[in-house]
């Protein structure tokens, strides 16, 4: 099944993804600065475990960010493609009409 959306819908989706990506980034930053900075979170863990935990969280954040950016990029390319097709079609119609 192919999902067909007009360019305005895709623009709305890309804006929504951008907003979610920012929200995810903000939540991750908040999480890192609160929970991970607290002594209770780290208590009883070795230095290596602490470093691994922080690394895992950073990598997950980067992965989420990368996936979101990829989706936004693909959708924007689709919109551009549609706009080009529309322009070509309009030019053809103008040529036929002229």
N, C-alpha and C. Protein backbone atom coordinates (compact mmCIF):
# COMPACT_ATOMS: atom_id res chain seq x y z
N UNK A 1 0.84 -1.18 0.00
CA UNK A 1 0.00 0.00 0.00
C UNK A 1 0.88 1.24 0.00
N UNK A 2 0.59 2.13 -0.88
CA UNK A 2 1.36 3.37 -0.98
C UNK A 2 0.57 4.51 -0.35
N UNK A 3 1.24 5.23 0.49
CA UNK A 3 0.61 6.39 1.13
C UNK A 3 0.88 7.61 0.26
N UNK A 4 -0.18 8.22 -0.22
CA UNK A 4 -0.02 9.40 -1.07
C UNK A 4 -0.53 10.62 -0.30
N UNK A 5 0.34 11.60 -0.18
CA UNK A 5 -0.03 12.83 0.51
C UNK A 5 0.30 14.00 -0.40
N UNK A 6 -0.49 15.04 -0.31
CA UNK A 6 -0.14 16.22 -1.08
C UNK A 6 0.98 16.97 -0.36
N UNK A 7 1.68 17.86 -1.07
CA UNK A 7 2.83 18.55 -0.47
C UNK A 7 2.52 19.27 0.85
N UNK A 8 1.31 19.83 0.97
CA UNK A 8 0.96 20.51 2.22
C UNK A 8 0.92 19.54 3.39
N UNK A 9 0.40 18.33 3.13
CA UNK A 9 0.36 17.31 4.19
C UNK A 9 1.78 16.92 4.59
N UNK A 10 2.65 16.74 3.59
CA UNK A 10 4.02 16.34 3.88
C UNK A 10 4.73 17.44 4.66
N UNK A 11 4.51 18.68 4.28
CA UNK A 11 5.11 19.80 5.02
C UNK A 11 4.64 19.77 6.47
N UNK A 12 3.36 19.49 6.68
CA UNK A 12 2.83 19.38 8.04
C UNK A 12 3.50 18.26 8.80
N UNK A 13 3.71 17.13 8.12
CA UNK A 13 4.37 15.98 8.77
C UNK A 13 5.81 16.32 9.11
N UNK A 14 6.53 16.96 8.18
CA UNK A 14 7.92 17.31 8.47
C UNK A 14 8.01 18.28 9.64
N UNK A 15 7.08 19.22 9.70
CA UNK A 15 7.07 20.16 10.84
C UNK A 15 6.81 19.41 12.14
N UNK A 16 5.89 18.46 12.09
CA UNK A 16 5.57 17.69 13.28
C UNK A 16 6.77 16.85 13.73
N UNK A 17 7.46 16.25 12.76
CA UNK A 17 8.65 15.46 13.10
C UNK A 17 9.72 16.36 13.69
N UNK A 18 9.92 17.53 13.10
CA UNK A 18 10.90 18.48 13.65
C UNK A 18 10.55 18.83 15.10
N UNK A 19 9.26 19.04 15.35
CA UNK A 19 8.82 19.37 16.71
C UNK A 19 9.08 18.21 17.66
N UNK A 20 8.76 16.98 17.21
CA UNK A 20 9.00 15.81 18.06
C UNK A 20 10.49 15.62 18.31
N UNK A 21 11.29 15.84 17.27
CA UNK A 21 12.73 15.68 17.41
C UNK A 21 13.26 16.66 18.46
N UNK A 22 12.77 17.90 18.42
CA UNK A 22 13.18 18.89 19.42
C UNK A 22 12.70 18.48 20.80
N UNK A 23 11.48 17.96 20.87
CA UNK A 23 10.93 17.52 22.15
C UNK A 23 11.74 16.36 22.73
N UNK A 24 12.11 15.41 21.87
CA UNK A 24 12.93 14.28 22.31
C UNK A 24 14.27 14.79 22.83
N UNK A 25 14.88 15.71 22.08
CA UNK A 25 16.16 16.28 22.49
C UNK A 25 16.03 16.97 23.85
N UNK A 26 14.96 17.74 24.02
CA UNK A 26 14.75 18.44 25.30
C UNK A 26 14.55 17.47 26.45
N UNK A 27 13.77 16.41 26.20
CA UNK A 27 13.54 15.41 27.25
C UNK A 27 14.83 14.70 27.62
N UNK A 28 15.61 14.34 26.60
CA UNK A 28 16.87 13.65 26.86
C UNK A 28 17.83 14.56 27.63
N UNK A 29 17.87 15.83 27.25
CA UNK A 29 18.74 16.78 27.95
C UNK A 29 18.31 16.93 29.40
N UNK A 30 17.00 17.02 29.61
CA UNK A 30 16.46 17.15 30.96
C UNK A 30 16.79 15.90 31.78
N UNK A 31 16.63 14.73 31.16
CA UNK A 31 16.92 13.46 31.83
C UNK A 31 18.39 13.38 32.21
N UNK A 32 19.25 13.76 31.26
CA UNK A 32 20.68 13.69 31.53
C UNK A 32 21.09 14.66 32.64
N UNK A 33 20.47 15.83 32.66
CA UNK A 33 20.88 16.83 33.64
C UNK A 33 20.28 16.58 35.02
N UNK A 34 19.16 15.84 35.09
CA UNK A 34 18.54 15.62 36.39
C UNK A 34 18.91 14.25 36.95
N UNK A 35 18.31 13.20 36.39
CA UNK A 35 18.53 11.85 36.92
C UNK A 35 19.99 11.44 36.91
N UNK A 36 20.64 11.66 35.78
CA UNK A 36 22.00 11.16 35.64
C UNK A 36 22.99 11.96 36.48
N UNK A 37 22.62 13.18 36.82
CA UNK A 37 23.53 14.00 37.62
C UNK A 37 23.35 13.73 39.11
N UNK A 38 22.26 13.03 39.47
CA UNK A 38 22.00 12.80 40.89
C UNK A 38 22.86 11.66 41.44
N UNK A 39 23.31 11.82 42.66
CA UNK A 39 24.13 10.79 43.30
C UNK A 39 23.37 9.48 43.43
N UNK A 40 22.07 9.57 43.69
CA UNK A 40 21.27 8.36 43.88
C UNK A 40 21.27 7.49 42.63
N UNK A 41 21.27 8.13 41.48
CA UNK A 41 21.24 7.37 40.23
C UNK A 41 22.51 6.55 40.06
N UNK A 42 23.64 7.15 40.45
CA UNK A 42 24.93 6.51 40.23
C UNK A 42 25.36 5.61 41.39
N UNK A 43 24.71 5.74 42.54
CA UNK A 43 25.15 5.03 43.74
C UNK A 43 25.22 3.52 43.50
N UNK A 44 26.33 2.93 43.91
CA UNK A 44 26.48 1.49 43.81
C UNK A 44 26.92 1.00 42.44
N UNK A 45 27.16 1.91 41.53
CA UNK A 45 27.61 1.51 40.20
C UNK A 45 29.08 1.84 40.05
N UNK A 46 29.76 1.01 39.29
CA UNK A 46 31.18 1.26 39.06
C UNK A 46 31.35 2.41 38.07
N UNK A 47 32.55 2.94 38.03
CA UNK A 47 32.85 4.02 37.08
C UNK A 47 32.59 3.56 35.65
N UNK A 48 32.98 2.32 35.36
CA UNK A 48 32.78 1.79 34.00
C UNK A 48 31.30 1.71 33.67
N UNK A 49 30.48 1.29 34.64
CA UNK A 49 29.03 1.22 34.41
C UNK A 49 28.46 2.61 34.17
N UNK A 50 28.94 3.56 34.94
CA UNK A 50 28.47 4.94 34.79
C UNK A 50 28.78 5.49 33.40
N UNK A 51 30.00 5.25 32.96
CA UNK A 51 30.42 5.72 31.64
C UNK A 51 29.60 5.02 30.56
N UNK A 52 29.37 3.70 30.73
CA UNK A 52 28.59 2.94 29.75
C UNK A 52 27.15 3.45 29.68
N UNK A 53 26.56 3.73 30.85
CA UNK A 53 25.19 4.23 30.89
C UNK A 53 25.08 5.57 30.16
N UNK A 54 25.99 6.47 30.45
CA UNK A 54 25.98 7.78 29.80
C UNK A 54 26.19 7.65 28.30
N UNK A 55 27.09 6.74 27.91
CA UNK A 55 27.36 6.51 26.49
C UNK A 55 26.13 5.94 25.79
N UNK A 56 25.47 4.97 26.44
CA UNK A 56 24.26 4.36 25.86
C UNK A 56 23.19 5.41 25.61
N UNK A 57 22.98 6.27 26.59
CA UNK A 57 21.95 7.30 26.47
C UNK A 57 22.29 8.27 25.34
N UNK A 58 23.53 8.67 25.26
CA UNK A 58 23.96 9.59 24.21
C UNK A 58 23.79 8.95 22.83
N UNK A 59 24.12 7.66 22.73
CA UNK A 59 23.99 6.96 21.45
C UNK A 59 22.52 6.81 21.05
N UNK A 60 21.66 6.53 22.04
CA UNK A 60 20.23 6.40 21.74
C UNK A 60 19.67 7.74 21.27
N UNK A 61 20.09 8.79 21.93
CA UNK A 61 19.64 10.13 21.52
C UNK A 61 20.09 10.42 20.09
N UNK A 62 21.34 10.09 19.78
CA UNK A 62 21.87 10.33 18.44
C UNK A 62 21.11 9.50 17.40
N UNK A 63 20.77 8.27 17.76
CA UNK A 63 20.04 7.39 16.83
C UNK A 63 18.64 7.96 16.55
N UNK A 64 17.95 8.38 17.60
CA UNK A 64 16.62 8.98 17.44
C UNK A 64 16.72 10.21 16.55
N UNK A 65 17.71 11.03 16.81
CA UNK A 65 17.91 12.26 16.06
C UNK A 65 18.19 11.94 14.59
N UNK A 66 19.04 10.95 14.36
CA UNK A 66 19.41 10.56 13.00
C UNK A 66 18.21 10.04 12.22
N UNK A 67 17.41 9.19 12.85
CA UNK A 67 16.22 8.63 12.19
C UNK A 67 15.25 9.75 11.85
N UNK A 68 15.01 10.65 12.79
CA UNK A 68 14.09 11.76 12.55
C UNK A 68 14.59 12.65 11.41
N UNK A 69 15.89 12.94 11.41
CA UNK A 69 16.46 13.77 10.35
C UNK A 69 16.32 13.10 9.00
N UNK A 70 16.52 11.78 8.97
CA UNK A 70 16.41 11.03 7.72
C UNK A 70 14.99 11.09 7.18
N UNK A 71 14.01 10.93 8.06
CA UNK A 71 12.61 10.99 7.65
C UNK A 71 12.27 12.38 7.11
N UNK A 72 12.69 13.39 7.84
CA UNK A 72 12.43 14.77 7.40
C UNK A 72 13.08 15.02 6.04
N UNK A 73 14.31 14.55 5.87
CA UNK A 73 15.04 14.75 4.61
C UNK A 73 14.30 14.07 3.45
N UNK A 74 13.86 12.83 3.68
CA UNK A 74 13.14 12.10 2.63
C UNK A 74 11.84 12.79 2.27
N UNK A 75 11.11 13.25 3.27
CA UNK A 75 9.84 13.92 3.01
C UNK A 75 10.05 15.24 2.27
N UNK A 76 11.09 15.96 2.65
CA UNK A 76 11.37 17.23 1.97
C UNK A 76 11.75 16.98 0.51
N UNK A 77 12.52 15.91 0.27
CA UNK A 77 12.87 15.57 -1.12
C UNK A 77 11.62 15.23 -1.92
N UNK A 78 10.69 14.54 -1.27
CA UNK A 78 9.43 14.19 -1.93
C UNK A 78 8.65 15.44 -2.30
N UNK A 79 8.59 16.38 -1.38
CA UNK A 79 7.89 17.64 -1.65
C UNK A 79 8.54 18.37 -2.82
N UNK A 80 9.86 18.44 -2.82
CA UNK A 80 10.58 19.11 -3.90
C UNK A 80 10.30 18.42 -5.23
N UNK A 81 10.30 17.10 -5.22
CA UNK A 81 10.01 16.33 -6.43
C UNK A 81 8.61 16.65 -6.94
N UNK A 82 7.65 16.68 -6.03
CA UNK A 82 6.28 17.01 -6.42
C UNK A 82 6.19 18.42 -6.99
N UNK A 83 6.88 19.34 -6.36
CA UNK A 83 6.85 20.73 -6.84
C UNK A 83 7.44 20.82 -8.25
N UNK A 84 8.52 20.06 -8.49
CA UNK A 84 9.13 20.05 -9.82
C UNK A 84 8.18 19.45 -10.85
N UNK A 85 7.52 18.35 -10.47
CA UNK A 85 6.55 17.72 -11.37
C UNK A 85 5.40 18.68 -11.67
N UNK A 86 4.92 19.36 -10.64
CA UNK A 86 3.84 20.32 -10.83
C UNK A 86 4.26 21.44 -11.79
N UNK A 87 5.49 21.91 -11.62
CA UNK A 87 6.00 22.99 -12.48
C UNK A 87 6.12 22.50 -13.92
N UNK A 88 6.62 21.27 -14.10
CA UNK A 88 6.74 20.71 -15.45
C UNK A 88 5.36 20.54 -16.08
N UNK A 89 4.43 20.04 -15.29
CA UNK A 89 3.07 19.84 -15.79
C UNK A 89 2.45 21.18 -16.19
N UNK A 90 2.64 22.18 -15.35
CA UNK A 90 2.10 23.52 -15.65
C UNK A 90 2.72 24.07 -16.93
N UNK A 91 4.03 23.84 -17.09
CA UNK A 91 4.72 24.32 -18.29
C UNK A 91 4.19 23.60 -19.53
N UNK A 92 3.96 22.30 -19.40
CA UNK A 92 3.41 21.53 -20.52
C UNK A 92 2.01 22.02 -20.87
N UNK A 93 1.21 22.26 -19.84
CA UNK A 93 -0.15 22.75 -20.06
C UNK A 93 -0.13 24.12 -20.74
N UNK A 94 0.80 24.95 -20.30
CA UNK A 94 0.93 26.29 -20.89
C UNK A 94 1.35 26.17 -22.35
N UNK A 95 2.23 25.22 -22.63
CA UNK A 95 2.69 24.99 -24.01
C UNK A 95 1.56 24.51 -24.89
N UNK A 96 0.75 23.62 -24.33
CA UNK A 96 -0.39 23.07 -25.09
C UNK A 96 -1.42 24.18 -25.33
N UNK A 97 -1.66 24.96 -24.28
CA UNK A 97 -2.66 26.04 -24.37
C UNK A 97 -2.19 27.13 -25.31
N UNK A 98 -0.84 27.34 -25.33
CA UNK A 98 -0.30 28.43 -26.12
C UNK A 98 -0.25 28.04 -27.56
